Amino acid sequence: LIFAVMRLTKPTLFTNIPVTCEERDLPGNLFNQLMKDDPSTVKGAETLMLGEMLTLPQNFGNIFLGETFSSYISVHNDSSQVVKDILVKADLQTSSQRLNLSASSAAVAELKPDCCIDDVIHHEVKEIGTHILVCAVSYTTQTGEKMYFRKFFKFQVLKPLDVKTKFYNAETDEVFLEAQIQNITTSPMFMEKVSLEPSIMYNVAELNTVDTAGESQSTFGSRTYLQPMDTRQYLYCLKPKQEFAEKAGVIKGVTVIGKLDIVWKTNLGERGRLQTSQLQRMAPGYGDVRLSLETIPDTVNLEEPFDITCKITNCSERTMDLVLEMCNTNSIHWCGVSGRQLGKLHPSSSLHLALTLLSSVQGLQSVSGLRLTDTFLKRTYEYDDIAQVCVVSSEVKQS
């Protein structure tokens, strides 16, 4: 028996090397005429390297993570005898596991001379590094002798994309994820889909489109090709769901954000897909008490009161009895009674405060001077530089 293994890949466009010269040179118009007569060239553009014909792959080629490895296996009876009980087995050995890729585990009763047994195997590559295709054949000769042989085919699985992520924590509970995706192969890719599958605690909004004339268009244009070694940046906004927004697990500590799902196509439509592992970020710590701004105007008039809304959240595991103090700064003055009781605040609960203040200085001013005191532990939490507001004179704003 003769054993043959061939990888199944798409054909490639034939590229020819144009050879031309000027008419006053010795060959005259010979080279130009030969290119015009060559059936592989594009008529009217013979000097271009890209032809109209397809060529079958001449070597094993590169295999990238996320692609589907397909192979054709053939066992041919090259003798003049009939062999029996032929069993063909194909396993794929990786660094961590051994997978059986054979379509059928049943033995073929007999194989006549000049006949063959064919099989096509498929496997979605999910590991990088060395892979070994182990093909084994066992059979019985006419004399009853049991025969067995194996062949090994080693190939490397390469990494097609380099994915880097960055997290940006907003003043609210929103998290912005920037994903940088780089094509580290030698051929262009068509990015079919790049999406973020959030964890159960988050809702996600993609920020990779713009609205033009009522239609949503990709920020990368209509042709989303990624050339070799090019990098593209995708942005996503994650906001915790309402039922998880007040839980301490979302507010502080390491939280699971989700995973990226990337689908691409290369050359003649070969499809690849990658899913990252669960992305995690270290959320900022807020201590026992967190103060955040719910509403604040962007621009206010000089020496005119304006309102803000604050949200106070108890991030500890005990009930707090809080007192609010408001301290004036050189530019910001609070309106109201300082030192008032806010009452008891239970763990993971929050309350909203409507406060009034005014600014005596123009320009970009920082809202500072809030103090929260826990009467039980006699501990004071100071909050400065909570937000910034632009202060202008009333004449400037009216004009």
Protein backbone atom coordinates (compact mmCIF):
# COMPACT_ATOMS: atom_id res chain seq x y z
CA LEU A 1 0.00 0.00 0.00
CA ILE A 2 1.11 3.54 -0.81
CA PHE A 3 0.08 6.33 1.49
CA ALA A 4 -0.31 9.96 0.33
CA VAL A 5 -1.30 13.10 2.23
CA MET A 6 -2.04 16.42 0.53
CA ARG A 7 -3.19 19.63 2.12
CA LEU A 8 -6.33 21.11 0.62
CA THR A 9 -6.01 24.85 0.07
CA LYS A 10 -7.49 27.38 -2.29
CA PRO A 11 -5.55 28.10 -5.50
CA THR A 12 -3.69 31.35 -5.88
CA LEU A 13 -3.61 33.89 -8.68
CA PHE A 14 -0.77 33.22 -11.09
CA THR A 15 1.94 35.87 -11.13
CA ASN A 16 4.24 36.15 -14.13
CA ILE A 17 7.49 38.06 -14.44
CA PRO A 18 7.24 40.48 -17.39
CA VAL A 19 10.31 40.62 -19.61
CA THR A 20 10.32 43.50 -22.05
CA CYS A 21 12.69 45.78 -23.90
CA GLU A 22 12.65 48.77 -26.20
CA GLU A 23 12.08 48.28 -29.92
CA ARG A 24 15.55 49.61 -30.78
CA ASP A 25 17.17 46.86 -28.70
CA LEU A 26 18.41 43.67 -30.31
CA PRO A 27 15.32 41.49 -29.60
CA GLY A 28 13.13 44.19 -31.14
CA ASN A 29 9.46 43.45 -30.50
CA LEU A 30 10.02 39.77 -29.70
CA PHE A 31 9.55 39.96 -25.93
CA ASN A 32 6.46 42.15 -26.20
CA GLN A 33 4.87 39.77 -28.67
CA LEU A 34 5.61 36.78 -26.46
CA MET A 35 3.89 38.48 -23.52
CA LYS A 36 0.84 39.25 -25.66
CA ASP A 37 0.66 35.62 -26.79
CA ASP A 38 1.05 34.31 -23.23
CA PRO A 39 -2.39 33.01 -22.12
CA SER A 40 -1.61 33.80 -18.47
CA THR A 41 -1.33 37.56 -18.94
CA VAL A 42 -4.11 40.12 -18.81
CA LYS A 43 -4.93 41.33 -22.31
CA GLY A 44 -4.04 44.98 -22.68
CA ALA A 45 -2.00 44.95 -19.45
CA GLU A 46 0.66 42.36 -20.23
CA THR A 47 3.34 44.14 -18.18
CA LEU A 48 1.40 43.66 -14.95
CA MET A 49 2.55 40.75 -12.82
CA LEU A 50 -0.98 39.66 -11.89
CA GLY A 51 -2.45 37.16 -14.32
CA GLU A 52 -5.90 35.76 -14.99
CA MET A 53 -5.07 32.14 -14.22
CA LEU A 54 -5.13 30.21 -10.94
CA THR A 55 -2.36 27.89 -9.83
CA LEU A 56 -2.57 25.00 -7.43
CA PRO A 57 -0.40 25.30 -4.32
CA GLN A 58 3.09 23.92 -4.87
CA ASN A 59 3.99 23.56 -1.19
CA PHE A 60 2.40 23.06 2.20
CA GLY A 61 2.11 26.82 2.81
CA ASN A 62 1.46 28.60 6.07
CA ILE A 63 -1.24 27.65 8.55
CA PHE A 64 -2.48 30.33 10.93
CA LEU A 65 -4.31 30.10 14.21
CA GLY A 66 -8.07 30.27 13.75
CA GLU A 67 -8.06 28.82 10.23
CA THR A 68 -9.44 25.42 9.23
CA PHE A 69 -6.81 22.82 8.34
CA SER A 70 -8.08 20.52 5.58
CA SER A 71 -6.19 17.54 4.22
CA TYR A 72 -6.78 14.80 1.64
CA ILE A 73 -5.63 11.32 2.65
CA SER A 74 -5.35 8.51 0.12
CA VAL A 75 -4.28 4.87 0.51
CA HIS A 76 -3.60 3.18 -2.82
CA ASN A 77 -3.09 -0.53 -3.47
CA ASP A 78 -0.02 -0.54 -5.69
CA SER A 79 0.31 -4.33 -5.76
CA SER A 80 -1.40 -7.10 -7.71
CA GLN A 81 -2.93 -8.65 -4.61
CA VAL A 82 -6.14 -8.02 -2.75
CA VAL A 83 -5.61 -6.79 0.82
CA LYS A 84 -8.22 -7.03 3.54
CA ASP A 85 -9.29 -5.31 6.74
CA ILE A 86 -7.76 -1.96 5.91
CA LEU A 87 -8.00 0.55 8.75
CA VAL A 88 -6.87 4.13 8.19
CA LYS A 89 -6.47 6.39 11.20
CA ALA A 90 -5.46 10.07 11.29
CA ASP A 91 -4.56 11.81 14.55
CA LEU A 92 -3.37 15.35 15.15
CA GLN A 93 -0.83 15.70 17.93
CA THR A 94 -0.42 19.14 19.52
CA SER A 95 1.58 20.28 22.50
CA SER A 96 -1.38 19.69 24.81
CA GLN A 97 -3.64 17.03 23.27
CA ARG A 98 -4.10 14.33 20.64
CA LEU A 99 -7.18 14.57 18.41
CA ASN A 100 -8.71 11.88 16.21
CA LEU A 101 -9.61 13.37 12.81
CA SER A 102 -10.70 10.24 10.97
CA ALA A 103 -14.18 10.43 9.50
CA SER A 104 -14.84 6.72 10.12
CA SER A 105 -13.34 4.23 12.53
CA ALA A 106 -14.65 1.17 10.67
CA ALA A 107 -12.27 -1.02 8.68
CA VAL A 108 -12.67 -1.53 4.91
CA ALA A 109 -13.27 -5.20 4.10
CA GLU A 110 -10.96 -5.39 1.08
CA LEU A 111 -9.00 -3.25 -1.35
CA LYS A 112 -8.44 -4.51 -4.86
CA PRO A 113 -5.34 -3.72 -6.96
CA ASP A 114 -5.14 -0.17 -8.35
CA CYS A 115 -7.94 0.92 -6.03
CA CYS A 116 -7.70 3.44 -3.23
CA ILE A 117 -9.36 4.59 -0.04
CA ASP A 118 -9.87 8.34 0.19
CA ASP A 119 -10.69 10.52 3.15
CA VAL A 120 -10.87 14.27 3.77
CA ILE A 121 -10.24 15.61 7.26
CA HIS A 122 -10.98 19.06 8.67
CA HIS A 123 -9.82 20.69 11.88
CA GLU A 124 -10.13 24.24 13.18
CA VAL A 125 -6.70 25.12 14.51
CA LYS A 126 -6.91 26.45 18.06
CA GLU A 127 -3.29 26.24 19.21
CA ILE A 128 -0.07 27.76 17.97
CA GLY A 129 3.22 25.90 17.72
CA THR A 130 4.19 22.50 16.34
CA HIS A 131 1.48 20.15 15.08
CA ILE A 132 2.10 16.59 13.94
CA LEU A 133 -0.35 14.74 11.69
CA VAL A 134 0.02 11.04 12.52
CA CYS A 135 -1.42 8.76 9.82
CA ALA A 136 -1.52 5.02 10.53
CA VAL A 137 -2.58 2.17 8.23
CA SER A 138 -3.14 -1.45 9.21
CA TYR A 139 -4.18 -4.26 6.84
CA THR A 140 -4.04 -8.00 6.26
CA THR A 141 -2.34 -9.62 3.24
CA GLN A 142 -3.64 -12.61 1.28
CA THR A 143 -1.41 -14.90 3.34
CA GLY A 144 -3.00 -13.64 6.57
CA GLU A 145 -0.02 -11.56 7.66
CA LYS A 146 -0.97 -8.42 9.55
CA MET A 147 0.87 -5.29 8.42
CA TYR A 148 1.10 -1.86 9.97
CA PHE A 149 2.91 1.37 9.16
CA ARG A 150 2.75 5.04 10.09
CA LYS A 151 3.73 8.36 8.58
CA PHE A 152 4.31 11.68 10.30
CA PHE A 153 3.72 15.14 8.85
CA LYS A 154 4.94 18.04 10.93
CA PHE A 155 3.83 21.64 10.41
CA GLN A 156 3.90 24.89 12.35
CA VAL A 157 0.82 26.94 13.23
CA LEU A 158 1.60 30.65 13.18
CA LYS A 159 -0.05 33.59 14.88
CA PRO A 160 -2.04 35.71 12.36
CA LEU A 161 -2.95 38.69 14.54
CA ASP A 162 -1.38 40.62 17.35
CA VAL A 163 -4.09 41.87 19.71
CA LYS A 164 -3.39 44.45 22.41
CA THR A 165 -6.02 45.91 24.74
CA LYS A 166 -6.14 49.07 26.84
CA PHE A 167 -8.73 50.01 29.44
CA TYR A 168 -9.85 53.52 30.32
CA ASN A 169 -11.99 54.07 33.41
CA ALA A 170 -14.42 56.97 33.15
CA GLU A 171 -15.56 59.07 36.09
CA THR A 172 -18.75 57.07 36.02
CA ASP A 173 -18.87 53.26 36.03
CA GLU A 174 -18.34 53.20 32.28
CA VAL A 175 -15.25 51.42 30.93
CA PHE A 176 -13.76 52.15 27.52
CA LEU A 177 -11.86 49.33 25.82
CA GLU A 178 -9.40 50.05 23.03
CA ALA A 179 -8.39 46.98 21.01
CA GLN A 180 -5.37 47.29 18.71
CA ILE A 181 -5.37 44.57 16.05
CA GLN A 182 -2.30 44.13 13.85
CA ASN A 183 -2.02 41.89 10.78
CA ILE A 184 1.31 40.06 11.21
CA THR A 185 0.88 37.81 8.14
CA THR A 186 2.29 38.48 4.67
CA SER A 187 -1.06 38.92 2.91
CA PRO A 188 -3.94 41.39 3.31
CA MET A 189 -6.99 40.49 5.36
CA PHE A 190 -10.62 41.38 4.99
CA MET A 191 -11.90 42.09 8.48
CA GLU A 192 -15.39 40.64 8.38
CA LYS A 193 -16.28 41.17 12.04
CA VAL A 194 -14.63 42.51 15.16
CA SER A 195 -17.03 42.50 18.08
CA LEU A 196 -16.90 42.44 21.86
CA GLU A 197 -18.97 39.86 23.71
CA PRO A 198 -19.45 41.43 27.16
CA SER A 199 -19.79 39.54 30.41
CA ILE A 200 -23.19 39.21 32.05
CA MET A 201 -22.53 42.33 34.14
CA TYR A 202 -22.05 44.75 31.23
CA ASN A 203 -23.80 46.20 28.21
CA VAL A 204 -21.54 47.17 25.30
CA ALA A 205 -21.78 49.90 22.68
CA GLU A 206 -19.49 49.85 19.64
CA LEU A 207 -17.88 53.19 18.83
CA ASN A 208 -16.51 52.21 15.41
CA THR A 209 -19.20 53.78 13.23
CA VAL A 210 -20.29 57.31 12.34
CA ASP A 211 -23.71 58.51 11.21
CA THR A 212 -23.63 60.13 7.78
CA ALA A 213 -26.91 61.31 6.25
CA GLY A 214 -28.85 59.00 8.56
CA GLU A 215 -26.77 55.95 7.66
CA SER A 216 -24.25 54.22 9.88
CA GLN A 217 -20.85 53.84 8.22
CA SER A 218 -17.66 52.23 9.45
CA THR A 219 -14.89 54.59 10.53
CA PHE A 220 -12.51 52.47 8.44
CA GLY A 221 -14.39 53.05 5.20
CA SER A 222 -16.31 50.71 2.93
CA ARG A 223 -13.27 48.50 2.23
CA THR A 224 -12.14 47.09 5.54
CA TYR A 225 -8.89 45.53 4.33
CA LEU A 226 -6.00 45.28 6.74
CA GLN A 227 -2.67 45.26 4.94
CA PRO A 228 0.34 43.29 6.27
CA MET A 229 1.83 44.84 9.44
CA ASP A 230 -0.95 47.44 9.57
CA THR A 231 -2.73 48.13 12.85
CA ARG A 232 -6.35 49.07 13.38
CA GLN A 233 -7.90 50.39 16.59
CA TYR A 234 -11.40 49.46 17.73
CA LEU A 235 -13.18 51.22 20.59
CA TYR A 236 -15.98 49.93 22.82
CA CYS A 237 -17.88 51.42 25.73
CA LEU A 238 -19.04 49.11 28.51
CA LYS A 239 -21.56 50.13 31.10
CA PRO A 240 -22.62 47.90 34.01
CA LYS A 241 -26.19 46.73 34.00
CA GLN A 242 -28.51 48.34 36.51
CA GLU A 243 -28.72 45.25 38.71
CA PHE A 244 -24.92 45.10 39.02
CA ALA A 245 -24.11 48.82 39.11
CA GLU A 246 -24.29 49.10 42.90
CA LYS A 247 -22.44 45.90 43.71
CA ALA A 248 -18.97 46.17 45.12
CA GLY A 249 -17.70 43.47 42.76
CA VAL A 250 -18.24 45.80 39.84
CA ILE A 251 -17.02 48.93 41.56
CA LYS A 252 -13.71 47.64 42.85
CA GLY A 253 -11.41 44.68 42.34
CA VAL A 254 -10.63 42.65 39.24
CA THR A 255 -13.66 42.37 37.01
CA VAL A 256 -14.27 40.31 33.88
CA ILE A 257 -15.12 42.53 30.92
CA GLY A 258 -15.73 40.04 28.11
CA LYS A 259 -13.92 38.65 25.08
CA LEU A 260 -13.20 39.78 21.54
CA ASP A 261 -14.55 37.84 18.57
CA ILE A 262 -12.57 38.42 15.35
CA VAL A 263 -13.52 37.00 11.95
CA TRP A 264 -11.47 37.61 8.80
CA LYS A 265 -10.98 36.33 5.26
CA THR A 266 -7.79 36.09 3.22
CA ASN A 267 -6.93 35.89 -0.49
CA LEU A 268 -9.68 33.80 -2.07
CA GLY A 269 -12.08 33.69 0.86
CA GLU A 270 -10.32 31.45 3.37
CA ARG A 271 -12.08 32.16 6.63
CA GLY A 272 -10.43 32.49 10.01
CA ARG A 273 -11.80 33.18 13.45
CA LEU A 274 -10.21 34.01 16.78
CA GLN A 275 -11.71 34.50 20.21
CA THR A 276 -9.60 36.00 22.95
CA SER A 277 -9.68 34.75 26.49
CA GLN A 278 -11.76 36.65 29.02
CA LEU A 279 -10.42 40.19 29.30
CA GLN A 280 -9.95 41.46 32.83
CA ARG A 281 -9.21 44.91 34.13
CA MET A 282 -8.21 46.21 37.53
CA ALA A 283 -10.99 48.61 38.42
CA PRO A 284 -10.04 51.70 40.42
CA GLY A 285 -10.54 51.46 44.14
CA TYR A 286 -12.91 53.97 45.72
CA GLY A 287 -12.33 53.15 49.39
CA ASP A 288 -15.27 52.86 51.76
CA VAL A 289 -17.28 55.74 50.35
CA ARG A 290 -17.53 56.74 46.70
CA LEU A 291 -18.69 60.15 45.55
CA SER A 292 -19.54 60.74 41.90
CA LEU A 293 -21.30 63.50 39.98
CA GLU A 294 -24.55 62.68 38.24
CA THR A 295 -25.31 66.10 36.71
CA ILE A 296 -23.25 69.27 36.34
CA PRO A 297 -23.46 72.09 33.77
CA ASP A 298 -20.60 72.59 31.33
CA THR A 299 -20.68 76.40 31.44
CA VAL A 300 -21.99 78.69 34.21
CA ASN A 301 -22.21 82.46 34.76
CA LEU A 302 -19.83 84.27 37.05
CA GLU A 303 -21.19 84.82 40.59
CA GLU A 304 -24.49 83.12 39.73
CA PRO A 305 -25.63 79.98 41.60
CA PHE A 306 -25.76 76.68 39.71
CA ASP A 307 -26.90 73.21 40.76
CA ILE A 308 -25.12 69.87 40.72
CA THR A 309 -26.27 66.39 41.71
CA CYS A 310 -23.92 64.09 43.64
CA LYS A 311 -24.22 60.37 44.22
CA ILE A 312 -22.78 58.86 47.42
CA THR A 313 -22.28 55.08 47.53
CA ASN A 314 -21.37 52.96 50.56
CA CYS A 315 -18.69 50.54 49.27
CA SER A 316 -17.95 49.02 52.67
CA GLU A 317 -19.61 46.09 54.41
CA ARG A 318 -21.04 48.08 57.31
CA THR A 319 -23.73 50.70 57.78
CA MET A 320 -22.47 54.29 57.90
CA ASP A 321 -23.90 57.40 59.57
CA LEU A 322 -22.59 60.28 57.44
CA VAL A 323 -22.27 64.02 57.97
CA LEU A 324 -21.72 66.35 55.00
CA GLU A 325 -19.43 69.38 55.29
CA MET A 326 -18.87 71.94 52.53
CA CYS A 327 -15.63 73.93 52.52
CA ASN A 328 -15.21 76.99 50.30
CA THR A 329 -12.13 77.45 48.14
CA ASN A 330 -10.65 80.61 46.60
CA SER A 331 -12.94 80.30 43.58
CA ILE A 332 -15.78 77.93 44.54
CA HIS A 333 -18.36 78.87 47.20
CA TRP A 334 -21.02 76.47 48.47
CA CYS A 335 -24.58 77.63 49.13
CA GLY A 336 -26.39 75.91 51.96
CA VAL A 337 -25.87 74.54 55.45
CA SER A 338 -22.60 72.73 56.16
CA GLY A 339 -22.40 69.94 58.73
CA ARG A 340 -25.84 68.45 58.10
CA GLN A 341 -26.70 64.85 58.82
CA LEU A 342 -27.27 62.56 55.83
CA GLY A 343 -28.59 59.68 57.89
CA LYS A 344 -27.69 56.01 57.75
CA LEU A 345 -26.35 54.51 54.54
CA HIS A 346 -26.46 50.72 54.28
CA PRO A 347 -23.78 48.65 52.50
CA SER A 348 -23.90 48.79 48.67
CA SER A 349 -26.65 51.43 48.82
CA SER A 350 -26.46 55.01 47.60
CA LEU A 351 -28.16 58.36 47.92
CA HIS A 352 -28.42 61.46 45.71
CA LEU A 353 -27.70 64.99 46.88
CA ALA A 354 -28.72 68.21 45.12
CA LEU A 355 -26.17 70.93 45.94
CA THR A 356 -25.85 74.59 44.95
CA LEU A 357 -22.64 76.56 44.50
CA LEU A 358 -21.23 79.60 42.70
CA SER A 359 -17.87 80.70 41.39
CA SER A 360 -16.21 84.07 41.98
CA VAL A 361 -13.41 83.54 39.44
CA GLN A 362 -13.66 83.14 35.69
CA GLY A 363 -12.07 80.32 33.71
CA LEU A 364 -11.96 76.57 34.15
CA GLN A 365 -12.58 75.98 37.84
CA SER A 366 -12.34 72.77 39.84
CA VAL A 367 -15.23 71.72 42.09
CA SER A 368 -13.65 70.92 45.47
CA GLY A 369 -14.26 71.10 49.18
CA LEU A 370 -16.71 68.30 50.03
CA ARG A 371 -16.11 66.34 53.23
CA LEU A 372 -17.95 63.25 54.46
CA THR A 373 -17.50 62.13 58.07
CA ASP A 374 -18.47 58.74 59.43
CA THR A 375 -19.69 59.52 62.95
CA PHE A 376 -19.15 55.94 64.17
CA LEU A 377 -15.44 55.63 63.26
CA LYS A 378 -14.81 59.41 63.38
CA ARG A 379 -13.24 59.08 59.93
CA THR A 380 -13.39 61.92 57.38
CA TYR A 381 -13.29 61.38 53.63
CA GLU A 382 -12.10 64.36 51.58
CA TYR A 383 -13.20 64.95 47.99
CA ASP A 384 -11.36 67.54 45.91
CA ASP A 385 -11.13 68.01 42.15
CA ILE A 386 -14.44 66.21 41.70
CA ALA A 387 -15.13 67.85 38.35
CA GLN A 388 -14.39 71.00 36.38
CA VAL A 389 -16.73 73.70 35.16
CA CYS A 390 -16.16 76.63 32.79
CA VAL A 391 -17.06 79.97 34.39
CA VAL A 392 -17.76 82.93 32.07
CA SER A 393 -19.18 86.39 32.64
CA SER A 394 -22.90 86.84 31.92
CA GLU A 395 -22.15 89.27 29.08
CA VAL A 396 -19.98 86.71 27.29
CA LYS A 397 -22.58 83.98 27.62
CA GLN A 398 -25.45 86.18 26.39
CA SER A 399 -23.48 87.32 23.35
